[in-house]
Amino acid sequence: MPWERRPELDDPVQQALIRAIESGLPLVARPYAQIGEQLRITEEEVIHRIQLLMENDLIKRMGVVVRHGQLGYKANAMVVWDIPDERVVEIGRCFSHFPFITLCYSRPRRLPQWRYNLFTMIHGRGQDEVRARIETLADHCALDEKRFEVLFSRRCFKQRGARYASLRNEPDPLK
């Protein structure tokens, strides 16, 4: 069962580590050492415990939340593509090589309402730059028929990593 309690999470130090990293790493030269000091464990143990969480699929990845607007990227668009099913993997791999693609994933179509099966997030300094990048993708990845929609963001509501209420002694909404 996917939602059952994992024994690895019964360790109070592991719970404290997850709480310490879920809101982001400290912006210091040695963030794991600083976290270790807070938890009264070594930097090496912090790294080892994070590796164990990843090996056990309790953490899939660690990444950065970038505030694009503050960096001058004022246009953000989710581009939804209608790609022939037999080409989705090929096109997805082609798209993923471009540095301006920050997300690229496939989802099943929901016909007849939603024909799109490949999704990409593109950021640019303006909408014209985003549109030019879309054309670059279509041309470079040999999309003869350009069947896509551009969904420009109008407002940013939330940008942060996951928070785990079950580790905060709050009710778990899944139980």
N, C-alpha and C. Protein backbone atom coordinates (compact mmCIF):
# COMPACT_ATOMS: atom_id res chain seq x y z
N MET A 1 0.85 -1.18 0.00
CA MET A 1 0.00 0.00 0.00
C MET A 1 0.89 1.25 0.00
N PRO A 2 0.66 2.18 -0.92
CA PRO A 2 1.57 3.32 -1.06
C PRO A 2 1.58 4.28 0.12
N TRP A 3 0.53 4.34 0.93
CA TRP A 3 0.47 5.35 1.98
C TRP A 3 0.78 4.79 3.37
N GLU A 4 1.21 3.54 3.45
CA GLU A 4 1.49 3.00 4.77
C GLU A 4 2.72 3.65 5.38
N ARG A 5 2.79 3.66 6.67
CA ARG A 5 3.90 4.29 7.42
C ARG A 5 5.19 3.53 7.15
N ARG A 6 6.25 4.24 6.84
CA ARG A 6 7.55 3.63 6.58
C ARG A 6 8.36 3.60 7.86
N PRO A 7 8.94 2.45 8.23
CA PRO A 7 9.72 2.36 9.46
C PRO A 7 10.89 3.35 9.51
N GLU A 8 11.44 3.69 8.34
CA GLU A 8 12.57 4.62 8.30
C GLU A 8 12.19 5.98 8.88
N LEU A 9 10.90 6.29 8.86
CA LEU A 9 10.45 7.61 9.34
C LEU A 9 10.13 7.62 10.82
N ASP A 10 10.24 6.48 11.49
CA ASP A 10 10.00 6.45 12.94
C ASP A 10 11.19 6.97 13.73
N ASP A 11 12.31 7.15 13.08
CA ASP A 11 13.53 7.66 13.72
C ASP A 11 13.38 9.18 13.93
N PRO A 12 13.42 9.68 15.17
CA PRO A 12 13.24 11.11 15.41
C PRO A 12 14.30 11.98 14.73
N VAL A 13 15.52 11.47 14.59
CA VAL A 13 16.56 12.24 13.90
C VAL A 13 16.21 12.36 12.42
N GLN A 14 15.71 11.28 11.83
CA GLN A 14 15.32 11.32 10.41
C GLN A 14 14.17 12.30 10.22
N GLN A 15 13.21 12.31 11.12
CA GLN A 15 12.10 13.25 11.04
C GLN A 15 12.61 14.69 11.15
N ALA A 16 13.52 14.92 12.08
CA ALA A 16 14.08 16.27 12.25
C ALA A 16 14.87 16.68 11.00
N LEU A 17 15.57 15.74 10.39
CA LEU A 17 16.31 16.04 9.16
C LEU A 17 15.36 16.45 8.05
N ILE A 18 14.29 15.70 7.88
CA ILE A 18 13.32 16.06 6.83
C ILE A 18 12.74 17.44 7.09
N ARG A 19 12.39 17.73 8.33
CA ARG A 19 11.87 19.07 8.66
C ARG A 19 12.92 20.14 8.36
N ALA A 20 14.20 19.82 8.62
CA ALA A 20 15.27 20.81 8.41
C ALA A 20 15.50 21.10 6.93
N ILE A 21 15.31 20.11 6.06
CA ILE A 21 15.62 20.34 4.64
C ILE A 21 14.40 20.68 3.79
N GLU A 22 13.20 20.45 4.30
CA GLU A 22 12.02 20.65 3.45
C GLU A 22 11.79 22.11 3.09
N SER A 23 12.28 23.04 3.87
CA SER A 23 12.08 24.45 3.52
C SER A 23 13.29 25.02 2.79
N GLY A 24 14.25 24.18 2.49
CA GLY A 24 15.42 24.61 1.72
C GLY A 24 16.69 24.51 2.52
N LEU A 25 17.77 24.36 1.81
CA LEU A 25 19.08 24.29 2.46
C LEU A 25 19.55 25.70 2.83
N PRO A 26 20.28 25.83 3.90
CA PRO A 26 20.82 27.14 4.25
C PRO A 26 21.82 27.61 3.19
N LEU A 27 21.83 28.88 2.92
CA LEU A 27 22.72 29.44 1.90
C LEU A 27 24.08 29.76 2.52
N VAL A 28 24.82 28.71 2.79
CA VAL A 28 26.15 28.81 3.37
C VAL A 28 27.07 27.87 2.59
N ALA A 29 28.36 28.01 2.81
CA ALA A 29 29.33 27.19 2.07
C ALA A 29 29.13 25.69 2.33
N ARG A 30 28.76 25.33 3.55
CA ARG A 30 28.59 23.92 3.90
C ARG A 30 27.22 23.71 4.58
N PRO A 31 26.16 23.66 3.77
CA PRO A 31 24.81 23.58 4.34
C PRO A 31 24.58 22.32 5.17
N TYR A 32 25.16 21.19 4.75
CA TYR A 32 24.94 19.95 5.50
C TYR A 32 25.64 19.99 6.86
N ALA A 33 26.74 20.69 6.94
CA ALA A 33 27.42 20.86 8.23
C ALA A 33 26.55 21.70 9.17
N GLN A 34 25.96 22.76 8.63
CA GLN A 34 25.09 23.61 9.46
C GLN A 34 23.87 22.83 9.94
N ILE A 35 23.27 22.05 9.07
CA ILE A 35 22.13 21.22 9.47
C ILE A 35 22.57 20.22 10.53
N GLY A 36 23.74 19.62 10.32
CA GLY A 36 24.27 18.68 11.31
C GLY A 36 24.43 19.31 12.67
N GLU A 37 24.91 20.54 12.71
CA GLU A 37 25.04 21.24 13.99
C GLU A 37 23.69 21.39 14.67
N GLN A 38 22.67 21.76 13.89
CA GLN A 38 21.33 21.92 14.46
C GLN A 38 20.80 20.60 15.02
N LEU A 39 21.12 19.49 14.34
CA LEU A 39 20.59 18.18 14.74
C LEU A 39 21.54 17.42 15.66
N ARG A 40 22.70 18.01 15.92
CA ARG A 40 23.73 17.38 16.76
C ARG A 40 24.24 16.07 16.16
N ILE A 41 24.41 16.09 14.83
CA ILE A 41 25.04 14.97 14.13
C ILE A 41 26.09 15.55 13.19
N THR A 42 26.93 14.70 12.62
CA THR A 42 27.99 15.20 11.74
C THR A 42 27.46 15.52 10.35
N GLU A 43 28.24 16.31 9.65
CA GLU A 43 27.93 16.61 8.25
C GLU A 43 27.83 15.32 7.45
N GLU A 44 28.75 14.38 7.68
CA GLU A 44 28.76 13.10 6.97
C GLU A 44 27.48 12.32 7.24
N GLU A 45 27.00 12.36 8.48
CA GLU A 45 25.77 11.64 8.81
C GLU A 45 24.57 12.28 8.12
N VAL A 46 24.54 13.60 8.04
CA VAL A 46 23.46 14.27 7.31
C VAL A 46 23.44 13.79 5.87
N ILE A 47 24.59 13.81 5.22
CA ILE A 47 24.68 13.38 3.82
C ILE A 47 24.27 11.92 3.69
N HIS A 48 24.76 11.06 4.60
CA HIS A 48 24.42 9.64 4.55
C HIS A 48 22.91 9.43 4.72
N ARG A 49 22.31 10.14 5.65
CA ARG A 49 20.87 9.98 5.89
C ARG A 49 20.05 10.46 4.69
N ILE A 50 20.47 11.54 4.04
CA ILE A 50 19.77 12.00 2.83
C ILE A 50 19.92 10.97 1.72
N GLN A 51 21.11 10.39 1.58
CA GLN A 51 21.32 9.34 0.57
C GLN A 51 20.39 8.15 0.83
N LEU A 52 20.24 7.76 2.10
CA LEU A 52 19.34 6.65 2.43
C LEU A 52 17.89 6.99 2.07
N LEU A 53 17.47 8.21 2.35
CA LEU A 53 16.12 8.63 1.98
C LEU A 53 15.91 8.54 0.48
N MET A 54 16.93 8.90 -0.28
CA MET A 54 16.82 8.85 -1.73
C MET A 54 16.85 7.40 -2.22
N GLU A 55 17.73 6.58 -1.66
CA GLU A 55 17.82 5.17 -2.07
C GLU A 55 16.51 4.43 -1.78
N ASN A 56 15.81 4.83 -0.73
CA ASN A 56 14.55 4.19 -0.36
C ASN A 56 13.33 4.89 -0.97
N ASP A 57 13.58 5.78 -1.93
CA ASP A 57 12.53 6.51 -2.65
C ASP A 57 11.63 7.34 -1.74
N LEU A 58 12.15 7.75 -0.60
CA LEU A 58 11.40 8.66 0.26
C LEU A 58 11.64 10.10 -0.16
N ILE A 59 12.76 10.34 -0.82
CA ILE A 59 13.04 11.61 -1.50
C ILE A 59 13.37 11.23 -2.93
N LYS A 60 12.65 11.79 -3.88
CA LYS A 60 12.90 11.50 -5.29
C LYS A 60 14.04 12.34 -5.84
N ARG A 61 14.06 13.62 -5.45
CA ARG A 61 15.11 14.50 -5.93
C ARG A 61 15.15 15.73 -5.03
N MET A 62 16.25 16.42 -5.11
CA MET A 62 16.39 17.70 -4.43
C MET A 62 16.67 18.73 -5.51
N GLY A 63 16.01 19.85 -5.42
CA GLY A 63 16.18 20.85 -6.45
C GLY A 63 16.07 22.25 -5.87
N VAL A 64 16.08 23.20 -6.76
CA VAL A 64 16.05 24.61 -6.41
C VAL A 64 14.72 25.19 -6.88
N VAL A 65 14.11 26.02 -6.05
CA VAL A 65 12.95 26.79 -6.47
C VAL A 65 13.48 28.16 -6.88
N VAL A 66 13.33 28.47 -8.15
CA VAL A 66 13.84 29.72 -8.70
C VAL A 66 12.69 30.71 -8.82
N ARG A 67 12.89 31.88 -8.33
CA ARG A 67 11.91 32.96 -8.47
C ARG A 67 12.21 33.70 -9.78
N HIS A 68 11.64 33.18 -10.86
CA HIS A 68 11.97 33.64 -12.21
C HIS A 68 11.77 35.14 -12.40
N GLY A 69 10.67 35.64 -11.89
CA GLY A 69 10.37 37.06 -12.06
C GLY A 69 11.44 37.96 -11.48
N GLN A 70 11.99 37.57 -10.34
CA GLN A 70 13.04 38.38 -9.71
C GLN A 70 14.34 38.33 -10.50
N LEU A 71 14.47 37.34 -11.38
CA LEU A 71 15.66 37.25 -12.23
C LEU A 71 15.45 37.90 -13.60
N GLY A 72 14.28 38.50 -13.80
CA GLY A 72 14.02 39.18 -15.06
C GLY A 72 13.23 38.36 -16.07
N TYR A 73 12.83 37.14 -15.71
CA TYR A 73 12.04 36.30 -16.61
C TYR A 73 10.57 36.55 -16.31
N LYS A 74 9.97 37.45 -17.07
CA LYS A 74 8.62 37.91 -16.78
C LYS A 74 7.54 37.09 -17.48
N ALA A 75 7.91 36.28 -18.46
CA ALA A 75 6.94 35.47 -19.20
C ALA A 75 7.20 33.99 -18.92
N ASN A 76 6.17 33.32 -18.46
CA ASN A 76 6.25 31.89 -18.19
C ASN A 76 5.08 31.24 -18.90
N ALA A 77 5.34 30.15 -19.59
CA ALA A 77 4.26 29.50 -20.32
C ALA A 77 4.35 27.99 -20.19
N MET A 78 3.20 27.38 -19.92
CA MET A 78 3.07 25.94 -20.05
C MET A 78 2.63 25.74 -21.51
N VAL A 79 3.44 25.02 -22.25
CA VAL A 79 3.09 24.73 -23.63
C VAL A 79 2.63 23.29 -23.67
N VAL A 80 1.41 23.09 -24.13
CA VAL A 80 0.84 21.75 -24.22
C VAL A 80 0.85 21.34 -25.69
N TRP A 81 1.37 20.16 -25.93
CA TRP A 81 1.61 19.69 -27.28
C TRP A 81 0.74 18.47 -27.59
N ASP A 82 0.24 18.42 -28.81
CA ASP A 82 -0.48 17.26 -29.31
C ASP A 82 0.49 16.51 -30.22
N ILE A 83 1.17 15.53 -29.64
CA ILE A 83 2.23 14.80 -30.32
C ILE A 83 1.72 13.40 -30.65
N PRO A 84 2.01 12.87 -31.85
CA PRO A 84 1.63 11.48 -32.11
C PRO A 84 2.18 10.57 -31.01
N ASP A 85 1.35 9.71 -30.48
CA ASP A 85 1.74 8.88 -29.34
C ASP A 85 3.05 8.14 -29.56
N GLU A 86 3.28 7.67 -30.76
CA GLU A 86 4.51 6.91 -31.03
C GLU A 86 5.77 7.79 -31.04
N ARG A 87 5.60 9.12 -30.97
CA ARG A 87 6.76 10.03 -30.98
C ARG A 87 6.96 10.77 -29.66
N VAL A 88 6.10 10.53 -28.68
CA VAL A 88 6.17 11.29 -27.43
C VAL A 88 7.53 11.16 -26.75
N VAL A 89 8.05 9.95 -26.62
CA VAL A 89 9.34 9.76 -25.95
C VAL A 89 10.45 10.46 -26.74
N GLU A 90 10.47 10.28 -28.04
CA GLU A 90 11.48 10.92 -28.89
C GLU A 90 11.43 12.45 -28.77
N ILE A 91 10.25 13.02 -28.87
CA ILE A 91 10.10 14.48 -28.82
C ILE A 91 10.40 14.98 -27.41
N GLY A 92 9.93 14.28 -26.40
CA GLY A 92 10.21 14.67 -25.03
C GLY A 92 11.71 14.72 -24.77
N ARG A 93 12.43 13.72 -25.26
CA ARG A 93 13.90 13.71 -25.09
C ARG A 93 14.54 14.87 -25.85
N CYS A 94 14.04 15.14 -27.04
CA CYS A 94 14.58 16.26 -27.83
C CYS A 94 14.34 17.58 -27.08
N PHE A 95 13.12 17.80 -26.60
CA PHE A 95 12.80 19.02 -25.86
C PHE A 95 13.68 19.16 -24.63
N SER A 96 13.92 18.05 -23.92
CA SER A 96 14.61 18.12 -22.64
C SER A 96 16.06 18.57 -22.76
N HIS A 97 16.61 18.59 -23.96
CA HIS A 97 18.00 19.04 -24.14
C HIS A 97 18.13 20.56 -24.16
N PHE A 98 17.02 21.27 -24.24
CA PHE A 98 17.08 22.73 -24.33
C PHE A 98 17.10 23.32 -22.93
N PRO A 99 18.05 24.21 -22.66
CA PRO A 99 18.19 24.75 -21.30
C PRO A 99 17.00 25.61 -20.86
N PHE A 100 16.21 26.13 -21.78
CA PHE A 100 15.08 26.96 -21.39
C PHE A 100 13.84 26.14 -21.02
N ILE A 101 13.91 24.83 -21.15
CA ILE A 101 12.82 23.94 -20.72
C ILE A 101 13.07 23.60 -19.25
N THR A 102 12.14 23.97 -18.38
CA THR A 102 12.33 23.66 -16.95
C THR A 102 11.47 22.48 -16.51
N LEU A 103 10.46 22.13 -17.25
CA LEU A 103 9.67 20.93 -17.02
C LEU A 103 9.33 20.32 -18.36
N CYS A 104 9.35 18.99 -18.42
CA CYS A 104 8.94 18.31 -19.65
C CYS A 104 8.42 16.94 -19.23
N TYR A 105 7.14 16.69 -19.46
CA TYR A 105 6.57 15.41 -19.06
C TYR A 105 5.37 15.08 -19.93
N SER A 106 5.06 13.79 -19.98
CA SER A 106 3.89 13.35 -20.75
C SER A 106 2.77 12.98 -19.79
N ARG A 107 1.56 13.13 -20.28
CA ARG A 107 0.35 12.75 -19.55
C ARG A 107 -0.62 12.14 -20.56
N PRO A 108 -1.51 11.31 -20.08
CA PRO A 108 -2.49 10.74 -21.02
C PRO A 108 -3.45 11.82 -21.52
N ARG A 109 -3.87 11.62 -22.75
CA ARG A 109 -4.90 12.51 -23.32
C ARG A 109 -6.21 12.27 -22.58
N ARG A 110 -7.09 13.24 -22.57
CA ARG A 110 -8.43 13.11 -21.99
C ARG A 110 -9.44 13.50 -23.07
N LEU A 111 -9.52 12.64 -24.08
CA LEU A 111 -10.40 12.91 -25.22
C LEU A 111 -11.86 12.77 -24.80
N PRO A 112 -12.73 13.55 -25.39
CA PRO A 112 -12.51 14.51 -26.47
C PRO A 112 -12.14 15.91 -25.97
N GLN A 113 -12.17 16.14 -24.65
CA GLN A 113 -11.95 17.49 -24.14
C GLN A 113 -10.50 17.96 -24.25
N TRP A 114 -9.54 17.06 -24.06
CA TRP A 114 -8.14 17.48 -23.96
C TRP A 114 -7.27 16.55 -24.80
N ARG A 115 -6.76 17.07 -25.90
CA ARG A 115 -5.99 16.23 -26.83
C ARG A 115 -4.49 16.24 -26.57
N TYR A 116 -4.02 17.02 -25.63
CA TYR A 116 -2.58 17.23 -25.43
C TYR A 116 -1.97 16.14 -24.55
N ASN A 117 -0.75 15.73 -24.93
CA ASN A 117 -0.10 14.62 -24.22
C ASN A 117 1.34 14.91 -23.83
N LEU A 118 1.87 16.06 -24.18
CA LEU A 118 3.23 16.43 -23.78
C LEU A 118 3.20 17.87 -23.28
N PHE A 119 3.85 18.10 -22.14
CA PHE A 119 3.78 19.39 -21.47
C PHE A 119 5.19 19.91 -21.24
N THR A 120 5.41 21.19 -21.55
CA THR A 120 6.71 21.82 -21.30
C THR A 120 6.48 23.18 -20.65
N MET A 121 7.37 23.53 -19.73
CA MET A 121 7.34 24.87 -19.13
C MET A 121 8.53 25.63 -19.70
N ILE A 122 8.25 26.82 -20.20
CA ILE A 122 9.27 27.65 -20.82
C ILE A 122 9.22 29.04 -20.18
N HIS A 123 10.38 29.57 -19.86
CA HIS A 123 10.48 30.90 -19.27
C HIS A 123 11.23 31.80 -20.23
N GLY A 124 10.86 33.08 -20.25
CA GLY A 124 11.55 34.05 -21.09
C GLY A 124 11.40 35.43 -20.50
N ARG A 125 12.18 36.36 -21.02
CA ARG A 125 12.12 37.74 -20.50
C ARG A 125 10.85 38.44 -20.97
N GLY A 126 10.23 37.89 -22.00
CA GLY A 126 8.97 38.42 -22.50
C GLY A 126 8.26 37.37 -23.32
N GLN A 127 7.00 37.63 -23.66
CA GLN A 127 6.22 36.65 -24.40
C GLN A 127 6.80 36.38 -25.79
N ASP A 128 7.37 37.40 -26.42
CA ASP A 128 7.97 37.18 -27.75
C ASP A 128 9.14 36.20 -27.67
N GLU A 129 9.94 36.30 -26.60
CA GLU A 129 11.06 35.37 -26.42
C GLU A 129 10.54 33.94 -26.23
N VAL A 130 9.48 33.79 -25.45
CA VAL A 130 8.91 32.46 -25.23
C VAL A 130 8.39 31.90 -26.56
N ARG A 131 7.69 32.71 -27.32
CA ARG A 131 7.17 32.24 -28.62
C ARG A 131 8.31 31.83 -29.56
N ALA A 132 9.39 32.59 -29.56
CA ALA A 132 10.54 32.24 -30.40
C ALA A 132 11.14 30.90 -29.95
N ARG A 133 11.18 30.68 -28.67
CA ARG A 133 11.71 29.41 -28.14
C ARG A 133 10.81 28.24 -28.54
N ILE A 134 9.51 28.47 -28.56
CA ILE A 134 8.58 27.42 -28.98
C ILE A 134 8.84 27.06 -30.44
N GLU A 135 9.03 28.06 -31.27
CA GLU A 135 9.33 27.81 -32.69
C GLU A 135 10.65 27.06 -32.85
N THR A 136 11.65 27.41 -32.03
CA THR A 136 12.93 26.70 -32.05
C THR A 136 12.73 25.23 -31.74
N LEU A 137 11.95 24.96 -30.71
CA LEU A 137 11.67 23.56 -30.35
C LEU A 137 11.01 22.82 -31.49
N ALA A 138 9.96 23.41 -32.04
CA ALA A 138 9.21 22.74 -33.11
C ALA A 138 10.09 22.48 -34.32
N ASP A 139 10.92 23.45 -34.68
CA ASP A 139 11.80 23.29 -35.84
C ASP A 139 12.90 22.27 -35.58
N HIS A 140 13.59 22.42 -34.45
CA HIS A 140 14.73 21.55 -34.14
C HIS A 140 14.30 20.09 -33.93
N CYS A 141 13.13 19.89 -33.35
CA CYS A 141 12.67 18.52 -33.04
C CYS A 141 11.78 17.95 -34.14
N ALA A 142 11.79 18.58 -35.29
CA ALA A 142 11.12 18.07 -36.50
C ALA A 142 9.63 17.81 -36.29
N LEU A 143 8.94 18.81 -35.78
CA LEU A 143 7.49 18.70 -35.66
C LEU A 143 6.87 19.34 -36.90
N ASP A 144 6.46 18.50 -37.83
CA ASP A 144 5.90 19.00 -39.08
C ASP A 144 4.60 19.75 -38.83
N GLU A 145 3.73 19.13 -38.04
CA GLU A 145 2.49 19.80 -37.68
C GLU A 145 2.66 20.40 -36.29
N LYS A 146 2.52 21.68 -36.19
CA LYS A 146 2.71 22.36 -34.91
C LYS A 146 1.37 22.48 -34.21
N ARG A 147 1.02 21.40 -33.50
CA ARG A 147 -0.25 21.36 -32.78
C ARG A 147 0.05 21.55 -31.29
N PHE A 148 -0.13 22.79 -30.84
CA PHE A 148 0.14 23.10 -29.43
C PHE A 148 -0.68 24.31 -29.02
N GLU A 149 -0.74 24.50 -27.73
CA GLU A 149 -1.35 25.70 -27.15
C GLU A 149 -0.36 26.28 -26.16
N VAL A 150 -0.31 27.59 -26.09
CA VAL A 150 0.58 28.28 -25.16
C VAL A 150 -0.28 28.88 -24.06
N LEU A 151 0.00 28.44 -22.83
CA LEU A 151 -0.77 28.92 -21.68
C LEU A 151 0.15 29.78 -20.82
N PHE A 152 0.12 31.10 -21.07
CA PHE A 152 0.97 32.01 -20.32
C PHE A 152 0.46 32.17 -18.89
N SER A 153 1.39 32.18 -17.96
CA SER A 153 1.03 32.42 -16.56
C SER A 153 0.60 33.87 -16.41
N ARG A 154 -0.40 34.08 -15.60
CA ARG A 154 -0.86 35.43 -15.31
C ARG A 154 -0.48 35.85 -13.91
N ARG A 155 -0.33 34.85 -13.03
CA ARG A 155 -0.07 35.16 -11.63
C ARG A 155 0.60 33.96 -10.98
N CYS A 156 1.52 34.21 -10.08
CA CYS A 156 2.20 33.15 -9.34
C CYS A 156 1.57 33.05 -7.96
N PHE A 157 1.08 31.87 -7.63
CA PHE A 157 0.44 31.67 -6.34
C PHE A 157 1.37 31.04 -5.31
N LYS A 158 2.24 30.15 -5.73
CA LYS A 158 3.04 29.41 -4.76
C LYS A 158 4.29 28.86 -5.44
N GLN A 159 5.42 29.03 -4.78
CA GLN A 159 6.66 28.43 -5.24
C GLN A 159 7.44 27.99 -4.02
N ARG A 160 7.36 26.71 -3.73
CA ARG A 160 8.14 26.15 -2.64
C ARG A 160 8.12 24.64 -2.76
N GLY A 161 8.99 24.00 -2.03
CA GLY A 161 9.03 22.55 -2.02
C GLY A 161 7.92 21.99 -1.15
N ALA A 162 7.88 20.68 -1.08
CA ALA A 162 6.85 19.98 -0.31
C ALA A 162 7.05 20.19 1.18
N ARG A 163 5.94 20.19 1.90
CA ARG A 163 5.94 20.21 3.37
C ARG A 163 5.18 18.97 3.82
N TYR A 164 5.63 18.34 4.88
CA TYR A 164 5.03 17.09 5.32
C TYR A 164 4.33 17.27 6.64
N ALA A 165 3.00 17.45 6.58
CA ALA A 165 2.20 17.68 7.78
C ALA A 165 2.31 16.52 8.76
N SER A 166 2.43 15.28 8.27
CA SER A 166 2.47 14.12 9.16
C SER A 166 3.71 14.14 10.04
N LEU A 167 4.73 14.90 9.67
CA LEU A 167 5.91 15.00 10.48
C LEU A 167 5.82 16.16 11.49
N ARG A 168 4.72 16.86 11.46
CA ARG A 168 4.53 18.01 12.34
C ARG A 168 3.44 17.74 13.37
N ASN A 169 3.08 16.49 13.53
CA ASN A 169 2.01 16.10 14.46
C ASN A 169 0.67 16.75 14.10
N GLU A 170 0.49 17.02 12.81
CA GLU A 170 -0.79 17.53 12.33
C GLU A 170 -1.55 16.35 11.75
N PRO A 171 -2.88 16.46 11.67
CA PRO A 171 -3.65 15.37 11.10
C PRO A 171 -3.24 15.10 9.65
N ASP A 172 -3.13 13.83 9.31
CA ASP A 172 -2.80 13.43 7.95
C ASP A 172 -4.10 13.33 7.18
N PRO A 173 -4.31 14.18 6.14
CA PRO A 173 -5.59 14.19 5.42
C PRO A 173 -5.86 12.89 4.65
N LEU A 174 -4.84 12.05 4.47
CA LEU A 174 -5.02 10.81 3.73
C LEU A 174 -5.50 9.66 4.61
N LYS A 175 -5.55 9.88 5.91
CA LYS A 175 -5.97 8.79 6.82
C LYS A 175 -7.37 9.00 7.32
